[in-house]
All heavy atoms as atom14 arrays in JSON, in Angstrom:
{
  "sequence": "ADELRSLHNWLRAASDIRRSSWLTLQEQPPEPGQMGGLVDVIQLVTDN",
  "atom14_mask": [
    [1, 1, 1, 1, 1, 0, 0, 0, 0, 0, 0, 0, 0, 0],
    [1, 1, 1, 1, 1, 1, 1, 1, 0, 0, 0, 0, 0, 0],
    [1, 1, 1, 1, 1, 1, 1, 1, 1, 0, 0, 0, 0, 0],
    [1, 1, 1, 1, 1, 1, 1, 1, 0, 0, 0, 0, 0, 0],
    [1, 1, 1, 1, 1, 1, 1, 1, 1, 1, 1, 0, 0, 0],
    [1, 1, 1, 1, 1, 1, 0, 0, 0, 0, 0, 0, 0, 0],
    [1, 1, 1, 1, 1, 1, 1, 1, 0, 0, 0, 0, 0, 0],
    [1, 1, 1, 1, 1, 1, 1, 1, 1, 1, 0, 0, 0, 0],
    [1, 1, 1, 1, 1, 1, 1, 1, 0, 0, 0, 0, 0, 0],
    [1, 1, 1, 1, 1, 1, 1, 1, 1, 1, 1, 1, 1, 1],
    [1, 1, 1, 1, 1, 1, 1, 1, 0, 0, 0, 0, 0, 0],
    [1, 1, 1, 1, 1, 1, 1, 1, 1, 1, 1, 0, 0, 0],
    [1, 1, 1, 1, 1, 0, 0, 0, 0, 0, 0, 0, 0, 0],
    [1, 1, 1, 1, 1, 0, 0, 0, 0, 0, 0, 0, 0, 0],
    [1, 1, 1, 1, 1, 1, 0, 0, 0, 0, 0, 0, 0, 0],
    [1, 1, 1, 1, 1, 1, 1, 1, 0, 0, 0, 0, 0, 0],
    [1, 1, 1, 1, 1, 1, 1, 1, 0, 0, 0, 0, 0, 0],
    [1, 1, 1, 1, 1, 1, 1, 1, 1, 1, 1, 0, 0, 0],
    [1, 1, 1, 1, 1, 1, 1, 1, 1, 1, 1, 0, 0, 0],
    [1, 1, 1, 1, 1, 1, 0, 0, 0, 0, 0, 0, 0, 0],
    [1, 1, 1, 1, 1, 1, 0, 0, 0, 0, 0, 0, 0, 0],
    [1, 1, 1, 1, 1, 1, 1, 1, 1, 1, 1, 1, 1, 1],
    [1, 1, 1, 1, 1, 1, 1, 1, 0, 0, 0, 0, 0, 0],
    [1, 1, 1, 1, 1, 1, 1, 0, 0, 0, 0, 0, 0, 0],
    [1, 1, 1, 1, 1, 1, 1, 1, 0, 0, 0, 0, 0, 0],
    [1, 1, 1, 1, 1, 1, 1, 1, 1, 0, 0, 0, 0, 0],
    [1, 1, 1, 1, 1, 1, 1, 1, 1, 0, 0, 0, 0, 0],
    [1, 1, 1, 1, 1, 1, 1, 1, 1, 0, 0, 0, 0, 0],
    [1, 1, 1, 1, 1, 1, 1, 0, 0, 0, 0, 0, 0, 0],
    [1, 1, 1, 1, 1, 1, 1, 0, 0, 0, 0, 0, 0, 0],
    [1, 1, 1, 1, 1, 1, 1, 1, 1, 0, 0, 0, 0, 0],
    [1, 1, 1, 1, 1, 1, 1, 0, 0, 0, 0, 0, 0, 0],
    [1, 1, 1, 1, 0, 0, 0, 0, 0, 0, 0, 0, 0, 0],
    [1, 1, 1, 1, 1, 1, 1, 1, 1, 0, 0, 0, 0, 0],
    [1, 1, 1, 1, 1, 1, 1, 1, 0, 0, 0, 0, 0, 0],
    [1, 1, 1, 1, 0, 0, 0, 0, 0, 0, 0, 0, 0, 0],
    [1, 1, 1, 1, 0, 0, 0, 0, 0, 0, 0, 0, 0, 0],
    [1, 1, 1, 1, 1, 1, 1, 1, 0, 0, 0, 0, 0, 0],
    [1, 1, 1, 1, 1, 1, 1, 0, 0, 0, 0, 0, 0, 0],
    [1, 1, 1, 1, 1, 1, 1, 1, 0, 0, 0, 0, 0, 0],
    [1, 1, 1, 1, 1, 1, 1, 0, 0, 0, 0, 0, 0, 0],
    [1, 1, 1, 1, 1, 1, 1, 1, 0, 0, 0, 0, 0, 0],
    [1, 1, 1, 1, 1, 1, 1, 1, 1, 0, 0, 0, 0, 0],
    [1, 1, 1, 1, 1, 1, 1, 1, 0, 0, 0, 0, 0, 0],
    [1, 1, 1, 1, 1, 1, 1, 0, 0, 0, 0, 0, 0, 0],
    [1, 1, 1, 1, 1, 1, 1, 0, 0, 0, 0, 0, 0, 0],
    [1, 1, 1, 1, 1, 1, 1, 1, 0, 0, 0, 0, 0, 0],
    [1, 1, 1, 1, 1, 1, 1, 1, 0, 0, 0, 0, 0, 0]
  ],
  "atom14_positions": [
    [[14.13, 65.85, 17.12], [13.38, 64.71, 17.65], [12.03, 65.15, 18.23], [11.06, 64.41, 18.18], [14.19, 63.98, 18.7], [0.0, 0.0, 0.0], [0.0, 0.0, 0.0], [0.0, 0.0, 0.0], [0.0, 0.0, 0.0], [0.0, 0.0, 0.0], [0.0, 0.0, 0.0], [0.0, 0.0, 0.0], [0.0, 0.0, 0.0], [0.0, 0.0, 0.0]],
    [[11.96, 66.39, 18.75], [10.69, 66.88, 19.28], [9.62, 66.94, 18.2], [8.44, 66.75, 18.46], [10.87, 68.27, 19.9], [11.61, 68.21, 21.22], [11.72, 67.11, 21.81], [12.08, 69.27, 21.67], [0.0, 0.0, 0.0], [0.0, 0.0, 0.0], [0.0, 0.0, 0.0], [0.0, 0.0, 0.0], [0.0, 0.0, 0.0], [0.0, 0.0, 0.0]],
    [[10.03, 67.24, 16.96], [9.08, 67.27, 15.85], [8.53, 65.87, 15.58], [7.34, 65.71, 15.3], [9.72, 67.84, 14.59], [10.02, 69.32, 14.69], [8.74, 70.16, 14.73], [8.18, 70.45, 13.67], [8.32, 70.52, 15.83], [0.0, 0.0, 0.0], [0.0, 0.0, 0.0], [0.0, 0.0, 0.0], [0.0, 0.0, 0.0], [0.0, 0.0, 0.0]],
    [[9.39, 64.87, 15.65], [8.93, 63.5, 15.44], [7.94, 63.11, 16.53], [6.93, 62.47, 16.26], [10.12, 62.53, 15.4], [9.81, 61.13, 14.94], [9.4, 61.12, 13.47], [11.01, 60.22, 15.16], [0.0, 0.0, 0.0], [0.0, 0.0, 0.0], [0.0, 0.0, 0.0], [0.0, 0.0, 0.0], [0.0, 0.0, 0.0], [0.0, 0.0, 0.0]],
    [[8.23, 63.49, 17.76], [7.3, 63.2, 18.87], [5.97, 63.92, 18.65], [4.9, 63.39, 18.91], [7.92, 63.6, 20.18], [8.98, 62.63, 20.65], [9.5, 63.01, 22.04], [10.59, 62.14, 22.42], [11.86, 62.39, 22.2], [12.22, 63.53, 21.61], [12.8, 61.55, 22.56], [0.0, 0.0, 0.0], [0.0, 0.0, 0.0], [0.0, 0.0, 0.0]],
    [[6.04, 65.15, 18.15], [4.83, 65.9, 17.85], [3.99, 65.18, 16.79], [2.76, 65.05, 16.94], [5.19, 67.31, 17.38], [4.06, 67.97, 16.86], [0.0, 0.0, 0.0], [0.0, 0.0, 0.0], [0.0, 0.0, 0.0], [0.0, 0.0, 0.0], [0.0, 0.0, 0.0], [0.0, 0.0, 0.0], [0.0, 0.0, 0.0], [0.0, 0.0, 0.0]],
    [[4.64, 64.7, 15.75], [3.94, 63.98, 14.7], [3.35, 62.68, 15.26], [2.21, 62.32, 14.97], [4.86, 63.68, 13.52], [4.25, 62.84, 12.39], [2.97, 63.47, 11.85], [5.28, 62.62, 11.29], [0.0, 0.0, 0.0], [0.0, 0.0, 0.0], [0.0, 0.0, 0.0], [0.0, 0.0, 0.0], [0.0, 0.0, 0.0], [0.0, 0.0, 0.0]],
    [[4.08, 61.99, 16.09], [3.6, 60.76, 16.72], [2.32, 61.03, 17.51], [1.34, 60.31, 17.36], [4.7, 60.19, 17.63], [4.33, 58.94, 18.34], [4.0, 58.93, 19.67], [4.23, 57.67, 17.9], [3.71, 57.69, 20.03], [3.84, 56.9, 18.99], [0.0, 0.0, 0.0], [0.0, 0.0, 0.0], [0.0, 0.0, 0.0], [0.0, 0.0, 0.0]],
    [[2.32, 62.1, 18.3], [1.13, 62.45, 19.07], [-0.03, 62.83, 18.15], [-1.18, 62.49, 18.41], [1.44, 63.59, 20.03], [2.35, 63.15, 21.15], [2.42, 61.97, 21.5], [3.1, 64.09, 21.71], [0.0, 0.0, 0.0], [0.0, 0.0, 0.0], [0.0, 0.0, 0.0], [0.0, 0.0, 0.0], [0.0, 0.0, 0.0], [0.0, 0.0, 0.0]],
    [[0.27, 63.54, 17.07], [-0.76, 63.95, 16.11], [-1.42, 62.73, 15.49], [-2.65, 62.65, 15.4], [-0.1, 64.82, 15.03], [-1.0, 65.38, 13.98], [-1.49, 64.73, 12.87], [-1.54, 66.7, 13.92], [-2.27, 65.58, 12.13], [-2.31, 66.8, 12.75], [-1.41, 67.83, 14.74], [-2.97, 67.96, 12.37], [-2.05, 68.99, 14.37], [-2.83, 69.05, 13.2]],
    [[-0.61, 61.77, 15.07], [-1.13, 60.56, 14.44], [-1.94, 59.73, 15.43], [-2.97, 59.16, 15.08], [-0.01, 59.73, 13.82], [0.72, 60.36, 12.64], [1.92, 59.51, 12.24], [-0.22, 60.57, 11.46], [0.0, 0.0, 0.0], [0.0, 0.0, 0.0], [0.0, 0.0, 0.0], [0.0, 0.0, 0.0], [0.0, 0.0, 0.0], [0.0, 0.0, 0.0]],
    [[-1.47, 59.66, 16.68], [-2.21, 58.91, 17.69], [-3.56, 59.54, 17.99], [-4.5, 58.87, 18.39], [-1.4, 58.82, 18.96], [-0.25, 57.84, 18.85], [0.47, 57.74, 20.16], [-0.51, 57.4, 21.19], [-0.42, 56.39, 21.99], [0.62, 55.6, 21.92], [-1.33, 56.15, 22.91], [0.0, 0.0, 0.0], [0.0, 0.0, 0.0], [0.0, 0.0, 0.0]],
    [[-3.67, 60.84, 17.79], [-4.93, 61.54, 18.05], [-5.93, 61.36, 16.9], [-7.12, 61.62, 17.07], [-4.67, 63.03, 18.29], [0.0, 0.0, 0.0], [0.0, 0.0, 0.0], [0.0, 0.0, 0.0], [0.0, 0.0, 0.0], [0.0, 0.0, 0.0], [0.0, 0.0, 0.0], [0.0, 0.0, 0.0], [0.0, 0.0, 0.0], [0.0, 0.0, 0.0]],
    [[-5.46, 60.94, 15.73], [-6.33, 60.76, 14.58], [-7.05, 59.41, 14.72], [-6.44, 58.36, 14.64], [-5.51, 60.8, 13.29], [0.0, 0.0, 0.0], [0.0, 0.0, 0.0], [0.0, 0.0, 0.0], [0.0, 0.0, 0.0], [0.0, 0.0, 0.0], [0.0, 0.0, 0.0], [0.0, 0.0, 0.0], [0.0, 0.0, 0.0], [0.0, 0.0, 0.0]],
    [[-8.36, 59.46, 14.91], [-9.11, 58.23, 15.22], [-9.01, 57.18, 14.11], [-8.91, 55.99, 14.4], [-10.56, 58.56, 15.54], [-11.19, 59.16, 14.43], [0.0, 0.0, 0.0], [0.0, 0.0, 0.0], [0.0, 0.0, 0.0], [0.0, 0.0, 0.0], [0.0, 0.0, 0.0], [0.0, 0.0, 0.0], [0.0, 0.0, 0.0], [0.0, 0.0, 0.0]],
    [[-9.02, 57.58, 12.84], [-8.92, 56.6, 11.74], [-7.61, 55.84, 11.81], [-7.56, 54.64, 11.56], [-8.99, 57.29, 10.38], [-10.39, 57.82, 10.08], [-11.33, 57.48, 10.83], [-10.52, 58.57, 9.09], [0.0, 0.0, 0.0], [0.0, 0.0, 0.0], [0.0, 0.0, 0.0], [0.0, 0.0, 0.0], [0.0, 0.0, 0.0], [0.0, 0.0, 0.0]],
    [[-6.55, 56.54, 12.14], [-5.22, 55.9, 12.21], [-5.11, 55.07, 13.47], [-4.62, 53.94, 13.43], [-4.11, 56.97, 12.13], [-4.18, 57.64, 10.74], [-2.74, 56.37, 12.38], [-3.38, 58.9, 10.63], [0.0, 0.0, 0.0], [0.0, 0.0, 0.0], [0.0, 0.0, 0.0], [0.0, 0.0, 0.0], [0.0, 0.0, 0.0], [0.0, 0.0, 0.0]],
    [[-5.58, 55.61, 14.57], [-5.48, 54.91, 15.85], [-6.26, 53.58, 15.8], [-5.82, 52.58, 16.36], [-6.02, 55.81, 16.97], [-5.81, 55.3, 18.35], [-6.27, 56.27, 19.43], [-7.7, 56.54, 19.31], [-8.23, 57.74, 19.04], [-7.45, 58.78, 18.87], [-9.52, 57.9, 18.95], [0.0, 0.0, 0.0], [0.0, 0.0, 0.0], [0.0, 0.0, 0.0]],
    [[-7.39, 53.56, 15.12], [-8.21, 52.34, 15.05], [-7.6, 51.27, 14.16], [-7.88, 50.08, 14.35], [-9.6, 52.66, 14.51], [-10.57, 53.14, 15.54], [-12.0, 53.11, 15.0], [-12.16, 53.85, 13.75], [-12.53, 55.12, 13.68], [-12.77, 55.8, 14.77], [-12.66, 55.71, 12.52], [0.0, 0.0, 0.0], [0.0, 0.0, 0.0], [0.0, 0.0, 0.0]],
    [[-6.8, 51.64, 13.19], [-6.36, 50.66, 12.19], [-4.86, 50.42, 12.15], [-4.37, 49.75, 11.24], [-6.83, 51.12, 10.81], [-6.23, 52.35, 10.49], [0.0, 0.0, 0.0], [0.0, 0.0, 0.0], [0.0, 0.0, 0.0], [0.0, 0.0, 0.0], [0.0, 0.0, 0.0], [0.0, 0.0, 0.0], [0.0, 0.0, 0.0], [0.0, 0.0, 0.0]],
    [[-4.14, 50.97, 13.12], [-2.68, 50.77, 13.1], [-2.1, 50.92, 14.49], [-2.76, 51.43, 15.41], [-2.03, 51.76, 12.14], [-2.32, 53.09, 12.51], [0.0, 0.0, 0.0], [0.0, 0.0, 0.0], [0.0, 0.0, 0.0], [0.0, 0.0, 0.0], [0.0, 0.0, 0.0], [0.0, 0.0, 0.0], [0.0, 0.0, 0.0], [0.0, 0.0, 0.0]],
    [[-0.87, 50.5, 14.62], [-0.14, 50.62, 15.86], [1.08, 51.48, 15.59], [1.8, 51.25, 14.61], [0.29, 49.24, 16.36], [-0.91, 48.43, 16.76], [-1.41, 48.3, 18.02], [-1.75, 47.65, 15.91], [-2.52, 47.49, 17.99], [-2.75, 47.07, 16.72], [-1.77, 47.38, 14.54], [-3.75, 46.25, 16.21], [-2.77, 46.57, 14.03], [-3.74, 46.01, 14.87]],
    [[1.29, 52.48, 16.43], [2.38, 53.42, 16.25], [3.4, 53.27, 17.37], [3.01, 53.22, 18.55], [1.85, 54.86, 16.3], [0.92, 55.27, 15.18], [0.12, 56.5, 15.59], [1.69, 55.54, 13.92], [0.0, 0.0, 0.0], [0.0, 0.0, 0.0], [0.0, 0.0, 0.0], [0.0, 0.0, 0.0], [0.0, 0.0, 0.0], [0.0, 0.0, 0.0]],
    [[4.67, 53.24, 17.03], [5.72, 53.23, 18.03], [6.84, 54.17, 17.59], [7.08, 54.34, 16.4], [6.32, 51.83, 18.23], [6.83, 51.34, 16.99], [5.28, 50.86, 18.77], [0.0, 0.0, 0.0], [0.0, 0.0, 0.0], [0.0, 0.0, 0.0], [0.0, 0.0, 0.0], [0.0, 0.0, 0.0], [0.0, 0.0, 0.0], [0.0, 0.0, 0.0]],
    [[7.48, 54.78, 18.55], [8.69, 55.56, 18.28], [9.88, 54.62, 18.41], [9.98, 53.88, 19.4], [8.83, 56.7, 19.3], [7.86, 57.85, 19.13], [7.9, 58.78, 20.34], [8.17, 58.63, 17.86], [0.0, 0.0, 0.0], [0.0, 0.0, 0.0], [0.0, 0.0, 0.0], [0.0, 0.0, 0.0], [0.0, 0.0, 0.0], [0.0, 0.0, 0.0]],
    [[10.77, 54.62, 17.43], [11.94, 53.76, 17.44], [13.19, 54.61, 17.6], [13.28, 55.7, 17.06], [12.02, 52.98, 16.11], [10.81, 52.11, 15.83], [10.7, 50.95, 16.78], [11.68, 50.28, 17.08], [9.5, 50.71, 17.28], [0.0, 0.0, 0.0], [0.0, 0.0, 0.0], [0.0, 0.0, 0.0], [0.0, 0.0, 0.0], [0.0, 0.0, 0.0]],
    [[14.16, 54.07, 18.34], [15.42, 54.77, 18.57], [16.53, 54.14, 17.76], [16.53, 52.94, 17.53], [15.83, 54.66, 20.04], [15.04, 55.43, 21.0], [15.6, 55.35, 22.41], [16.56, 54.59, 22.66], [15.1, 56.08, 23.27], [0.0, 0.0, 0.0], [0.0, 0.0, 0.0], [0.0, 0.0, 0.0], [0.0, 0.0, 0.0], [0.0, 0.0, 0.0]],
    [[17.47, 54.98, 17.38], [18.72, 54.46, 16.84], [19.64, 54.21, 18.03], [19.5, 54.87, 19.06], [19.33, 55.41, 15.83], [19.71, 56.77, 16.4], [20.28, 57.68, 15.33], [20.75, 57.23, 14.32], [20.22, 58.96, 15.57], [0.0, 0.0, 0.0], [0.0, 0.0, 0.0], [0.0, 0.0, 0.0], [0.0, 0.0, 0.0], [0.0, 0.0, 0.0]],
    [[20.56, 53.28, 17.93], [21.44, 52.99, 19.07], [22.27, 54.22, 19.43], [22.62, 55.02, 18.56], [22.34, 51.87, 18.56], [21.73, 51.37, 17.31], [20.81, 52.43, 16.8], [0.0, 0.0, 0.0], [0.0, 0.0, 0.0], [0.0, 0.0, 0.0], [0.0, 0.0, 0.0], [0.0, 0.0, 0.0], [0.0, 0.0, 0.0], [0.0, 0.0, 0.0]],
    [[22.62, 54.37, 20.72], [23.42, 55.53, 21.12], [24.83, 55.47, 20.55], [25.4, 54.4, 20.37], [23.44, 55.44, 22.65], [23.11, 54.03, 22.97], [22.3, 53.5, 21.82], [0.0, 0.0, 0.0], [0.0, 0.0, 0.0], [0.0, 0.0, 0.0], [0.0, 0.0, 0.0], [0.0, 0.0, 0.0], [0.0, 0.0, 0.0], [0.0, 0.0, 0.0]],
    [[25.35, 56.64, 20.24], [26.75, 56.76, 19.82], [27.63, 56.6, 21.06], [27.17, 56.81, 22.18], [27.0, 58.14, 19.21], [26.22, 58.38, 17.93], [26.73, 57.53, 16.78], [27.95, 57.32, 16.68], [25.9, 57.1, 15.97], [0.0, 0.0, 0.0], [0.0, 0.0, 0.0], [0.0, 0.0, 0.0], [0.0, 0.0, 0.0], [0.0, 0.0, 0.0]],
    [[28.9, 56.23, 20.89], [29.78, 56.13, 22.04], [29.82, 57.46, 22.8], [29.92, 58.52, 22.21], [31.16, 55.83, 21.41], [30.83, 55.21, 20.09], [29.55, 55.84, 19.63], [0.0, 0.0, 0.0], [0.0, 0.0, 0.0], [0.0, 0.0, 0.0], [0.0, 0.0, 0.0], [0.0, 0.0, 0.0], [0.0, 0.0, 0.0], [0.0, 0.0, 0.0]],
    [[29.65, 57.38, 24.11], [29.65, 58.56, 24.96], [28.28, 59.18, 25.17], [28.13, 60.07, 26.0], [0.0, 0.0, 0.0], [0.0, 0.0, 0.0], [0.0, 0.0, 0.0], [0.0, 0.0, 0.0], [0.0, 0.0, 0.0], [0.0, 0.0, 0.0], [0.0, 0.0, 0.0], [0.0, 0.0, 0.0], [0.0, 0.0, 0.0], [0.0, 0.0, 0.0]],
    [[27.27, 58.72, 24.43], [25.91, 59.24, 24.61], [25.21, 58.46, 25.71], [25.44, 57.26, 25.89], [25.07, 59.12, 23.34], [25.37, 60.13, 22.29], [24.42, 59.98, 21.1], [23.97, 58.88, 20.8], [24.14, 61.08, 20.44], [0.0, 0.0, 0.0], [0.0, 0.0, 0.0], [0.0, 0.0, 0.0], [0.0, 0.0, 0.0], [0.0, 0.0, 0.0]],
    [[24.29, 59.14, 26.41], [23.54, 58.51, 27.49], [22.46, 57.57, 26.95], [22.09, 56.61, 27.58], [22.9, 59.57, 28.39], [23.89, 60.41, 29.13], [24.76, 59.46, 30.37], [23.48, 59.28, 31.59], [0.0, 0.0, 0.0], [0.0, 0.0, 0.0], [0.0, 0.0, 0.0], [0.0, 0.0, 0.0], [0.0, 0.0, 0.0], [0.0, 0.0, 0.0]],
    [[21.91, 57.85, 25.8], [20.84, 57.04, 25.25], [20.72, 57.27, 23.76], [21.39, 58.12, 23.19], [0.0, 0.0, 0.0], [0.0, 0.0, 0.0], [0.0, 0.0, 0.0], [0.0, 0.0, 0.0], [0.0, 0.0, 0.0], [0.0, 0.0, 0.0], [0.0, 0.0, 0.0], [0.0, 0.0, 0.0], [0.0, 0.0, 0.0], [0.0, 0.0, 0.0]],
    [[19.88, 56.48, 23.13], [19.67, 56.61, 21.7], [18.79, 57.79, 21.35], [18.14, 58.38, 22.22], [0.0, 0.0, 0.0], [0.0, 0.0, 0.0], [0.0, 0.0, 0.0], [0.0, 0.0, 0.0], [0.0, 0.0, 0.0], [0.0, 0.0, 0.0], [0.0, 0.0, 0.0], [0.0, 0.0, 0.0], [0.0, 0.0, 0.0], [0.0, 0.0, 0.0]],
    [[18.78, 58.13, 20.09], [17.93, 59.22, 19.6], [16.71, 58.63, 18.89], [16.83, 57.68, 18.13], [18.7, 60.08, 18.6], [19.94, 60.78, 19.12], [20.69, 61.46, 17.97], [19.56, 61.8, 20.17], [0.0, 0.0, 0.0], [0.0, 0.0, 0.0], [0.0, 0.0, 0.0], [0.0, 0.0, 0.0], [0.0, 0.0, 0.0], [0.0, 0.0, 0.0]],
    [[15.56, 59.2, 19.19], [14.34, 58.79, 18.49], [14.47, 59.3, 17.07], [14.7, 60.47, 16.84], [13.09, 59.38, 19.18], [11.86, 59.07, 18.37], [12.97, 58.86, 20.6], [0.0, 0.0, 0.0], [0.0, 0.0, 0.0], [0.0, 0.0, 0.0], [0.0, 0.0, 0.0], [0.0, 0.0, 0.0], [0.0, 0.0, 0.0], [0.0, 0.0, 0.0]],
    [[14.35, 58.36, 16.09], [14.52, 58.83, 14.71], [13.46, 58.33, 13.75], [13.46, 58.73, 12.59], [15.92, 58.48, 14.2], [16.11, 57.02, 13.87], [15.41, 56.17, 14.45], [16.96, 56.72, 13.02], [0.0, 0.0, 0.0], [0.0, 0.0, 0.0], [0.0, 0.0, 0.0], [0.0, 0.0, 0.0], [0.0, 0.0, 0.0], [0.0, 0.0, 0.0]],
    [[12.53, 57.51, 14.2], [11.51, 57.01, 13.26], [10.23, 56.64, 14.01], [10.28, 56.2, 15.15], [12.05, 55.8, 12.46], [12.23, 54.58, 13.33], [11.15, 55.46, 11.29], [0.0, 0.0, 0.0], [0.0, 0.0, 0.0], [0.0, 0.0, 0.0], [0.0, 0.0, 0.0], [0.0, 0.0, 0.0], [0.0, 0.0, 0.0], [0.0, 0.0, 0.0]],
    [[9.11, 56.9, 13.34], [7.83, 56.39, 13.81], [7.57, 55.14, 12.99], [7.62, 55.18, 11.76], [6.68, 57.4, 13.56], [6.89, 58.66, 14.38], [5.33, 56.75, 13.9], [5.91, 59.78, 14.03], [0.0, 0.0, 0.0], [0.0, 0.0, 0.0], [0.0, 0.0, 0.0], [0.0, 0.0, 0.0], [0.0, 0.0, 0.0], [0.0, 0.0, 0.0]],
    [[7.33, 54.03, 13.67], [6.99, 52.81, 12.97], [5.49, 52.59, 13.1], [4.94, 52.64, 14.19], [7.74, 51.63, 13.57], [7.6, 50.37, 12.76], [8.44, 49.28, 13.32], [7.99, 48.58, 14.23], [9.66, 49.15, 12.83], [0.0, 0.0, 0.0], [0.0, 0.0, 0.0], [0.0, 0.0, 0.0], [0.0, 0.0, 0.0], [0.0, 0.0, 0.0]],
    [[4.84, 52.4, 11.98], [3.41, 52.18, 11.94], [3.17, 50.81, 11.33], [3.75, 50.5, 10.28], [2.78, 53.27, 11.06], [1.3, 53.16, 10.76], [0.64, 54.5, 11.06], [1.07, 52.8, 9.32], [0.0, 0.0, 0.0], [0.0, 0.0, 0.0], [0.0, 0.0, 0.0], [0.0, 0.0, 0.0], [0.0, 0.0, 0.0], [0.0, 0.0, 0.0]],
    [[2.4, 49.99, 12.03], [2.01, 48.7, 11.47], [0.5, 48.73, 11.33], [-0.2, 49.03, 12.3], [2.47, 47.53, 12.36], [1.97, 46.19, 11.8], [3.99, 47.52, 12.5], [0.0, 0.0, 0.0], [0.0, 0.0, 0.0], [0.0, 0.0, 0.0], [0.0, 0.0, 0.0], [0.0, 0.0, 0.0], [0.0, 0.0, 0.0], [0.0, 0.0, 0.0]],
    [[0.02, 48.46, 10.15], [-1.4, 48.59, 9.85], [-2.12, 47.26, 9.97], [-1.49, 46.21, 9.94], [-1.6, 49.1, 8.42], [-1.2, 48.08, 7.51], [-0.84, 50.37, 8.18], [0.0, 0.0, 0.0], [0.0, 0.0, 0.0], [0.0, 0.0, 0.0], [0.0, 0.0, 0.0], [0.0, 0.0, 0.0], [0.0, 0.0, 0.0], [0.0, 0.0, 0.0]],
    [[-3.42, 47.34, 10.05], [-4.23, 46.14, 9.88], [-4.97, 46.27, 8.56], [-4.74, 47.23, 7.8], [-5.13, 45.85, 11.07], [-6.28, 46.85, 11.22], [-6.56, 47.61, 10.28], [-6.91, 46.85, 12.28], [0.0, 0.0, 0.0], [0.0, 0.0, 0.0], [0.0, 0.0, 0.0], [0.0, 0.0, 0.0], [0.0, 0.0, 0.0], [0.0, 0.0, 0.0]],
    [[-5.85, 45.37, 8.27], [-6.52, 45.37, 6.97], [-7.47, 46.55, 6.77], [-7.85, 46.85, 5.66], [-7.27, 44.05, 6.76], [-6.31, 42.9, 6.59], [-5.17, 43.09, 6.22], [-6.76, 41.7, 6.89], [0.0, 0.0, 0.0], [0.0, 0.0, 0.0], [0.0, 0.0, 0.0], [0.0, 0.0, 0.0], [0.0, 0.0, 0.0], [0.0, 0.0, 0.0]]
  ]
}
């Protein structure tokens, strides 16, 4: 998951991407007995 966070930060630092899209880290639901979910995807929504 740290690699996904690293990529998220990298993409947010890229001005072309930052200006034309919105980036969020999405979690999968926690497994029984886990304290929280795991970050498993970067969701990017673009504009025109």
